[in-house]
Amino acid sequence: MEKEIKEALNFAIGAAKTLREQADSILLKVEKEFKELSAKGSQDQSEVANNLRKYIEDALRSVEGLAGQVNSKVEEAKKEFGKKNSNG
């Protein structure tokens, strides 16, 4: 019985190690492919690619602006809430 338990434990350890190695390998491949595709995309200077970059940059700026406004409103609300609670 003890032998079977040890074998099962060793099997689980071996399986976990193998899964970890495979996951690491897959992650490295994905990172490599991402970098290669990114490099190809950066080389594309076609009108469509440049327009797409411009629209995405504009959208990101808009989102950042909205996030800043929301953060400001949240901070204002926190201050007001704090004032009301301290006056109590």
Protein backbone atom coordinates (compact mmCIF):
# COMPACT_ATOMS: atom_id res chain seq x y z
CA MET A 1 0.00 0.00 0.00
CA GLU A 2 2.81 2.39 0.90
CA LYS A 3 4.47 1.73 -2.45
CA GLU A 4 1.29 2.67 -4.34
CA ILE A 5 0.96 5.90 -2.38
CA LYS A 6 4.58 6.83 -3.17
CA GLU A 7 4.05 6.00 -6.84
CA ALA A 8 0.88 8.08 -6.97
CA LEU A 9 2.67 10.98 -5.28
CA ASN A 10 5.61 10.72 -7.69
CA PHE A 11 3.17 10.56 -10.60
CA ALA A 12 1.45 13.74 -9.39
CA ILE A 13 4.79 15.51 -8.93
CA GLY A 14 5.97 14.40 -12.39
CA ALA A 15 2.70 15.49 -13.99
CA ALA A 16 2.81 18.88 -12.26
CA LYS A 17 6.43 19.42 -13.35
CA THR A 18 5.62 18.44 -16.94
CA LEU A 19 2.59 20.76 -17.03
CA ARG A 20 4.69 23.61 -15.67
CA GLU A 21 7.40 23.05 -18.28
CA GLN A 22 4.84 22.91 -21.07
CA ALA A 23 3.12 26.05 -19.81
CA ASP A 24 6.46 27.88 -19.70
CA SER A 25 7.25 26.70 -23.23
CA ILE A 26 3.87 27.85 -24.53
CA LEU A 27 4.28 31.24 -22.84
CA LEU A 28 7.69 31.73 -24.45
CA LYS A 29 6.25 30.84 -27.87
CA VAL A 30 3.35 33.25 -27.42
CA GLU A 31 5.69 36.06 -26.37
CA LYS A 32 7.92 35.37 -29.39
CA GLU A 33 4.95 35.35 -31.79
CA PHE A 34 3.59 38.55 -30.23
CA LYS A 35 6.91 40.32 -30.71
CA GLU A 36 7.17 39.12 -34.32
CA LEU A 37 3.63 40.25 -35.13
CA SER A 38 4.23 43.57 -33.40
CA ALA A 39 7.37 44.11 -35.47
CA LYS A 40 5.48 43.30 -38.66
CA GLY A 41 2.71 45.70 -37.67
CA SER A 42 5.15 48.51 -36.90
CA GLN A 43 6.64 48.13 -40.38
CA ASP A 44 3.23 48.52 -42.03
CA GLN A 45 3.00 52.18 -42.98
CA SER A 46 0.00 51.83 -45.27
CA GLU A 47 -2.79 54.40 -45.13
CA VAL A 48 -5.11 51.90 -43.48
CA ALA A 49 -2.56 51.00 -40.79
CA ASN A 50 -1.74 54.65 -40.08
CA ASN A 51 -5.44 55.59 -39.87
CA LEU A 52 -6.04 52.67 -37.53
CA ARG A 53 -3.16 53.79 -35.30
CA LYS A 54 -4.55 57.34 -35.26
CA TYR A 55 -8.06 56.20 -34.33
CA ILE A 56 -6.78 53.93 -31.58
CA GLU A 57 -4.55 56.67 -30.16
CA ASP A 58 -7.48 59.11 -30.21
CA ALA A 59 -9.71 56.57 -28.48
CA LEU A 60 -7.08 55.91 -25.81
CA ARG A 61 -6.68 59.64 -25.16
CA SER A 62 -10.46 59.96 -24.80
CA VAL A 63 -10.60 57.06 -22.37
CA GLU A 64 -7.72 58.51 -20.35
CA GLY A 65 -9.48 61.87 -20.23
CA LEU A 66 -12.71 60.28 -19.06
CA ALA A 67 -10.84 58.25 -16.45
CA GLY A 68 -9.25 61.45 -15.15
CA GLN A 69 -12.63 63.15 -14.92
CA VAL A 70 -14.14 60.18 -13.10
CA ASN A 71 -11.22 60.11 -10.65
CA SER A 72 -11.65 63.83 -9.99
CA LYS A 73 -15.37 63.39 -9.31
CA VAL A 74 -14.69 60.46 -6.99
CA GLU A 75 -12.14 62.50 -5.05
CA GLU A 76 -14.61 65.41 -4.79
CA ALA A 77 -17.31 63.04 -3.54
CA LYS A 78 -14.93 61.57 -0.97
CA LYS A 79 -14.08 65.04 0.32
CA GLU A 80 -17.74 66.00 0.56
CA PHE A 81 -18.58 62.75 2.29
CA GLY A 82 -15.72 63.28 4.72
CA LYS A 83 -16.89 66.83 5.49
CA LYS A 84 -20.47 65.68 6.12
CA ASN A 85 -19.34 62.84 8.39
CA SER A 86 -16.97 65.02 10.40
CA ASN A 87 -19.70 67.63 10.95
CA GLY A 88 -21.93 64.93 11.99
